[in-house]
C-alpha atoms as a PDB file:
ATOM      1  CA  UNK A   1     -13.605 -28.240 -23.455  1.00  0.00           C
ATOM      2  CA  UNK A   2     -12.539 -30.222 -20.571  1.00  0.00           C
ATOM      3  CA  UNK A   3      -8.845 -30.795 -21.738  1.00  0.00           C
ATOM      4  CA  UNK A   4      -8.762 -26.679 -22.500  1.00  0.00           C
ATOM      5  CA  UNK A   5      -9.494 -26.444 -18.478  1.00  0.00           C
ATOM      6  CA  UNK A   6      -6.828 -29.139 -17.449  1.00  0.00           C
ATOM      7  CA  UNK A   7      -4.652 -27.415 -19.804  1.00  0.00           C
ATOM      8  CA  UNK A   8      -5.096 -24.051 -18.488  1.00  0.00           C
ATOM      9  CA  UNK A   9      -5.603 -25.434 -15.006  1.00  0.00           C
ATOM     10  CA  UNK A  10      -1.757 -26.775 -15.587  1.00  0.00           C
ATOM     11  CA  UNK A  11      -0.259 -23.765 -16.958  1.00  0.00           C
ATOM     12  CA  UNK A  12      -1.869 -21.462 -14.388  1.00  0.00           C
ATOM     13  CA  UNK A  13       0.177 -23.673 -12.239  1.00  0.00           C
ATOM     14  CA  UNK A  14       3.399 -23.774 -14.118  1.00  0.00           C
ATOM     15  CA  UNK A  15       3.711 -19.914 -14.052  1.00  0.00           C
ATOM     16  CA  UNK A  16       2.744 -19.514 -10.414  1.00  0.00           C
ATOM     17  CA  UNK A  17       5.347 -21.130  -9.888  1.00  0.00           C
ATOM     18  CA  UNK A  18       7.829 -19.510 -11.871  1.00  0.00           C
ATOM     19  CA  UNK A  19      10.657 -16.747  -9.993  1.00  0.00           C
ATOM     20  CA  UNK A  20      10.632 -13.341 -11.518  1.00  0.00           C
ATOM     21  CA  UNK A  21      13.026 -13.862 -14.076  1.00  0.00           C
ATOM     22  CA  UNK A  22      11.127 -16.504 -15.672  1.00  0.00           C
ATOM     23  CA  UNK A  23       8.013 -14.585 -15.601  1.00  0.00           C
ATOM     24  CA  UNK A  24       9.397 -11.445 -17.395  1.00  0.00           C
ATOM     25  CA  UNK A  25      10.397 -14.185 -19.930  1.00  0.00           C
ATOM     26  CA  UNK A  26       6.862 -15.767 -20.520  1.00  0.00           C
ATOM     27  CA  UNK A  27       4.950 -12.155 -20.611  1.00  0.00           C
ATOM     28  CA  UNK A  28       7.823 -10.811 -23.370  1.00  0.00           C
ATOM     29  CA  UNK A  29       7.605 -13.941 -25.135  1.00  0.00           C
ATOM     30  CA  UNK A  30       3.850 -13.446 -25.023  1.00  0.00           C
ATOM     31  CA  UNK A  31       3.603 -10.139 -27.116  1.00  0.00           C
ATOM     32  CA  UNK A  32       6.452 -11.531 -29.117  1.00  0.00           C
ATOM     33  CA  UNK A  33       3.722 -13.996 -30.502  1.00  0.00           C
ATOM     34  CA  UNK A  34       0.990 -11.615 -30.193  1.00  0.00           C
ATOM     35  CA  UNK A  35       3.211  -8.891 -32.223  1.00  0.00           C
ATOM     36  CA  UNK A  36       4.438 -11.935 -34.683  1.00  0.00           C
ATOM     37  CA  UNK A  37       0.029 -12.675 -35.269  1.00  0.00           C
ATOM     38  CA  UNK A  38      -1.030  -9.316 -36.118  1.00  0.00           C
ATOM     39  CA  UNK A  39       2.209  -8.879 -37.912  1.00  0.00           C
ATOM     40  CA  UNK A  40       0.663 -12.697 -39.907  1.00  0.00           C
ATOM     41  CA  UNK A  41      -2.935 -11.829 -40.510  1.00  0.00           C
ATOM     42  CA  UNK A  42      -4.611  -9.596 -42.540  1.00  0.00           C
ATOM     43  CA  UNK A  43      -4.332  -7.425 -45.506  1.00  0.00           C
ATOM     44  CA  UNK A  44      -2.810  -4.196 -44.439  1.00  0.00           C
ATOM     45  CA  UNK A  45      -3.452  -2.185 -47.351  1.00  0.00           C
ATOM     46  CA  UNK A  46      -7.328  -2.892 -47.568  1.00  0.00           C
ATOM     47  CA  UNK A  47      -7.688  -2.508 -43.832  1.00  0.00           C
ATOM     48  CA  UNK A  48      -5.841   0.715 -44.166  1.00  0.00           C
ATOM     49  CA  UNK A  49      -8.003   1.329 -47.495  1.00  0.00           C
ATOM     50  CA  UNK A  50     -10.981   1.116 -45.322  1.00  0.00           C
ATOM     51  CA  UNK A  51     -10.005   3.187 -42.563  1.00  0.00           C
ATOM     52  CA  UNK A  52      -9.172   6.141 -45.055  1.00  0.00           C
ATOM     53  CA  UNK A  53     -13.125   5.522 -46.166  1.00  0.00           C
ATOM     54  CA  UNK A  54     -14.388   5.104 -42.779  1.00  0.00           C
ATOM     55  CA  UNK A  55     -12.172   6.531 -40.402  1.00  0.00           C
ATOM     56  CA  UNK A  56     -12.431  10.587 -40.453  1.00  0.00           C
ATOM     57  CA  UNK A  57     -15.608  12.528 -39.044  1.00  0.00           C
ATOM     58  CA  UNK A  58     -17.729  14.986 -40.828  1.00  0.00           C
ATOM     59  CA  UNK A  59     -14.865  17.675 -38.879  1.00  0.00           C
ATOM     60  CA  UNK A  60     -11.919  15.801 -40.543  1.00  0.00           C
ATOM     61  CA  UNK A  61     -10.635  14.245 -37.574  1.00  0.00           C
ATOM     62  CA  UNK A  62     -10.205  10.550 -36.560  1.00  0.00           C
ATOM     63  CA  UNK A  63     -13.100   8.250 -35.364  1.00  0.00           C
ATOM     64  CA  UNK A  64     -12.113   6.516 -32.566  1.00  0.00           C
ATOM     65  CA  UNK A  65      -9.740   3.264 -32.501  1.00  0.00           C
ATOM     66  CA  UNK A  66     -10.991   0.005 -33.149  1.00  0.00           C
ATOM     67  CA  UNK A  67      -9.742  -3.776 -33.432  1.00  0.00           C
ATOM     68  CA  UNK A  68      -9.890  -5.627 -37.109  1.00  0.00           C
ATOM     69  CA  UNK A  69      -9.017  -9.224 -37.032  1.00  0.00           C
ATOM     70  CA  UNK A  70      -5.240  -8.694 -34.911  1.00  0.00           C
ATOM     71  CA  UNK A  71      -4.419  -5.519 -35.440  1.00  0.00           C
ATOM     72  CA  UNK A  72      -5.579  -2.105 -33.809  1.00  0.00           C
ATOM     73  CA  UNK A  73      -6.711   0.785 -36.320  1.00  0.00           C
ATOM     74  CA  UNK A  74      -5.522   4.028 -35.565  1.00  0.00           C
ATOM     75  CA  UNK A  75      -6.762   7.006 -37.368  1.00  0.00           C
ATOM     76  CA  UNK A  76      -5.801  10.563 -36.430  1.00  0.00           C
ATOM     77  CA  UNK A  77      -5.551  13.599 -38.346  1.00  0.00           C
ATOM     78  CA  UNK A  78      -5.084  17.231 -38.435  1.00  0.00           C
ATOM     79  CA  UNK A  79      -6.682  20.114 -39.679  1.00  0.00           C
ATOM     80  CA  UNK A  80      -5.930  23.685 -40.374  1.00  0.00           C
ATOM     81  CA  UNK A  81      -7.611  26.825 -39.831  1.00  0.00           C
ATOM     82  CA  UNK A  82      -5.058  28.977 -40.532  1.00  0.00           C
ATOM     83  CA  UNK A  83      -1.240  29.152 -40.249  1.00  0.00           C
ATOM     84  CA  UNK A  84      -1.218  29.426 -36.065  1.00  0.00           C
ATOM     85  CA  UNK A  85      -4.986  27.620 -35.606  1.00  0.00           C
ATOM     86  CA  UNK A  86      -5.913  23.936 -36.000  1.00  0.00           C
ATOM     87  CA  UNK A  87      -7.651  21.049 -34.669  1.00  0.00           C
ATOM     88  CA  UNK A  88      -6.376  17.542 -34.250  1.00  0.00           C
ATOM     89  CA  UNK A  89      -6.869  14.535 -32.540  1.00  0.00           C
ATOM     90  CA  UNK A  90      -4.232  11.508 -32.739  1.00  0.00           C
ATOM     91  CA  UNK A  91      -3.385   8.259 -30.672  1.00  0.00           C
ATOM     92  CA  UNK A  92      -0.957   7.975 -28.260  1.00  0.00           C
ATOM     93  CA  UNK A  93       0.158   4.442 -27.284  1.00  0.00           C
ATOM     94  CA  UNK A  94       1.404   3.286 -23.634  1.00  0.00           C
ATOM     95  CA  UNK A  95       2.131   7.546 -23.244  1.00  0.00           C
ATOM     96  CA  UNK A  96       4.342   7.960 -26.266  1.00  0.00           C
ATOM     97  CA  UNK A  97       2.427   8.930 -29.854  1.00  0.00           C
ATOM     98  CA  UNK A  98       1.604   6.229 -32.109  1.00  0.00           C
ATOM     99  CA  UNK A  99       3.950   6.963 -34.850  1.00  0.00           C
ATOM    100  CA  UNK A 100       6.513   6.938 -32.014  1.00  0.00           C
ATOM    101  CA  UNK A 101       6.067   3.624 -30.641  1.00  0.00           C
ATOM    102  CA  UNK A 102       7.476   0.571 -30.841  1.00  0.00           C
ATOM    103  CA  UNK A 103       4.912  -1.320 -31.323  1.00  0.00           C
ATOM    104  CA  UNK A 104       3.542   0.438 -34.781  1.00  0.00           C
ATOM    105  CA  UNK A 105       3.424  -1.912 -37.859  1.00  0.00           C
ATOM    106  CA  UNK A 106       2.668   0.265 -39.970  1.00  0.00           C
ATOM    107  CA  UNK A 107       1.249   4.021 -40.487  1.00  0.00           C
ATOM    108  CA  UNK A 108      -0.289   5.919 -44.007  1.00  0.00           C
ATOM    109  CA  UNK A 109      -0.058   9.478 -44.301  1.00  0.00           C
ATOM    110  CA  UNK A 110      -2.601  11.484 -46.692  1.00  0.00           C
ATOM    111  CA  UNK A 111      -3.630  15.178 -47.314  1.00  0.00           C
ATOM    112  CA  UNK A 112      -6.807  15.656 -46.161  1.00  0.00           C
ATOM    113  CA  UNK A 113      -9.416  16.251 -48.868  1.00  0.00           C
ATOM    114  CA  UNK A 114     -11.228  19.567 -49.729  1.00  0.00           C
ATOM    115  CA  UNK A 115     -10.120  23.177 -49.208  1.00  0.00           C
ATOM    116  CA  UNK A 116      -8.565  23.139 -45.726  1.00  0.00           C
ATOM    117  CA  UNK A 117      -4.911  22.307 -45.073  1.00  0.00           C
ATOM    118  CA  UNK A 118      -3.831  19.150 -43.069  1.00  0.00           C
ATOM    119  CA  UNK A 119      -3.349  15.580 -43.150  1.00  0.00           C
ATOM    120  CA  UNK A 120      -5.084  11.888 -41.807  1.00  0.00           C
ATOM    121  CA  UNK A 121      -3.146   9.256 -41.297  1.00  0.00           C
ATOM    122  CA  UNK A 122      -3.970   5.570 -40.774  1.00  0.00           C
ATOM    123  CA  UNK A 123      -1.460   2.984 -37.858  1.00  0.00           C
ATOM    124  CA  UNK A 124      -1.715  -0.006 -37.275  1.00  0.00           C
ATOM    125  CA  UNK A 125      -0.793  -1.873 -34.026  1.00  0.00           C
ATOM    126  CA  UNK A 126      -1.254  -5.281 -32.867  1.00  0.00           C
ATOM    127  CA  UNK A 127      -3.406  -6.194 -30.219  1.00  0.00           C
ATOM    128  CA  UNK A 128      -1.524  -7.035 -27.361  1.00  0.00           C
ATOM    129  CA  UNK A 129      -2.734  -7.442 -23.734  1.00  0.00           C
ATOM    130  CA  UNK A 130      -2.178  -4.772 -21.129  1.00  0.00           C
ATOM    131  CA  UNK A 131      -1.228  -2.107 -23.868  1.00  0.00           C
ATOM    132  CA  UNK A 132      -3.195   1.360 -23.306  1.00  0.00           C
ATOM    133  CA  UNK A 133      -4.499   3.767 -25.567  1.00  0.00           C
ATOM    134  CA  UNK A 134      -5.474   7.534 -25.348  1.00  0.00           C
ATOM    135  CA  UNK A 135      -7.066   9.319 -27.919  1.00  0.00           C
ATOM    136  CA  UNK A 136      -6.073  12.781 -27.177  1.00  0.00           C
ATOM    137  CA  UNK A 137      -8.266  16.145 -29.371  1.00  0.00           C
ATOM    138  CA  UNK A 138      -6.803  19.250 -28.959  1.00  0.00           C
ATOM    139  CA  UNK A 139      -6.637  22.662 -30.400  1.00  0.00           C
ATOM    140  CA  UNK A 140      -3.727  25.212 -31.189  1.00  0.00           C
ATOM    141  CA  UNK A 141      -4.507  28.798 -31.118  1.00  0.00           C
ATOM    142  CA  UNK A 142      -2.620  31.739 -31.874  1.00  0.00           C
ATOM    143  CA  UNK A 143       0.613  29.172 -31.725  1.00  0.00           C
ATOM    144  CA  UNK A 144      -0.484  27.627 -28.508  1.00  0.00           C
ATOM    145  CA  UNK A 145      -1.584  24.009 -27.973  1.00  0.00           C
ATOM    146  CA  UNK A 146      -4.667  22.711 -25.922  1.00  0.00           C
ATOM    147  CA  UNK A 147      -6.027  19.675 -25.013  1.00  0.00           C
ATOM    148  CA  UNK A 148      -9.418  19.619 -24.721  1.00  0.00           C
ATOM    149  CA  UNK A 149     -10.236  15.554 -23.986  1.00  0.00           C
ATOM    150  CA  UNK A 150      -8.758  11.978 -24.093  1.00  0.00           C
ATOM    151  CA  UNK A 151     -10.913   8.614 -24.058  1.00  0.00           C
ATOM    152  CA  UNK A 152      -8.246   5.917 -23.059  1.00  0.00           C
ATOM    153  CA  UNK A 153      -8.757   2.408 -23.545  1.00  0.00           C
ATOM    154  CA  UNK A 154      -6.992  -0.713 -22.653  1.00  0.00           C
ATOM    155  CA  UNK A 155      -6.560  -3.828 -24.274  1.00  0.00           C
ATOM    156  CA  UNK A 156      -8.318  -6.749 -22.321  1.00  0.00           C
ATOM    157  CA  UNK A 157      -8.131 -10.311 -23.119  1.00  0.00           C
ATOM    158  CA  UNK A 158      -7.615  -9.423 -26.922  1.00  0.00           C
ATOM    159  CA  UNK A 159     -10.587  -6.396 -26.762  1.00  0.00           C
ATOM    160  CA  UNK A 160     -10.440  -2.800 -26.809  1.00  0.00           C
ATOM    161  CA  UNK A 161     -12.139  -1.733 -23.219  1.00  0.00           C
ATOM    162  CA  UNK A 162     -12.667   1.820 -23.052  1.00  0.00           C
ATOM    163  CA  UNK A 163     -11.498   2.902 -19.151  1.00  0.00           C
ATOM    164  CA  UNK A 164     -11.861   6.640 -18.897  1.00  0.00           C
ATOM    165  CA  UNK A 165     -13.198   9.405 -20.929  1.00  0.00           C
ATOM    166  CA  UNK A 166     -12.164  13.122 -19.446  1.00  0.00           C
ATOM    167  CA  UNK A 167     -12.523  16.807 -20.710  1.00  0.00           C
ATOM    168  CA  UNK A 168      -9.412  18.919 -20.194  1.00  0.00           C
ATOM    169  CA  UNK A 169     -10.305  22.950 -19.311  1.00  0.00           C
ATOM    170  CA  UNK A 170      -7.762  25.260 -19.874  1.00  0.00           C
ATOM    171  CA  UNK A 171      -7.411  25.676 -15.904  1.00  0.00           C
ATOM    172  CA  UNK A 172      -6.777  22.274 -15.675  1.00  0.00           C
END
């Protein structure tokens, strides 16, 4: 225990003495190691299979994301009511849709079960401190899409921490 504290203190001192370029390189190295660990651990097939079983509510939309091992499990989906009407919920990662994120490890997509058209998807992301997630719920009616609410998270010390919830009205 004492040796851990000494190591942490020495590392903190070393980091504080670094220049901006060195500090940037160390931060990027830490991020890369976190990604490599996420890729190397866990059974992605099993995590995704379980997420398709438990990651969707009665409405057919994804539940809020969670951490499993060293990955963030992000369910999302769309349920069509008609050609011009649907409900949807997807995750945005650092202001980029999860399927376009550079952190995306894997995403599987399946047609929704039942009589309504739509699909479900499960995306896996590495647990990387500082990553921001927004769970965006919306509706499309008559071809016009509107966001209804957003739940925001940040990865802090390897934990998924909720930082805000907000309802978005059509007027705002």
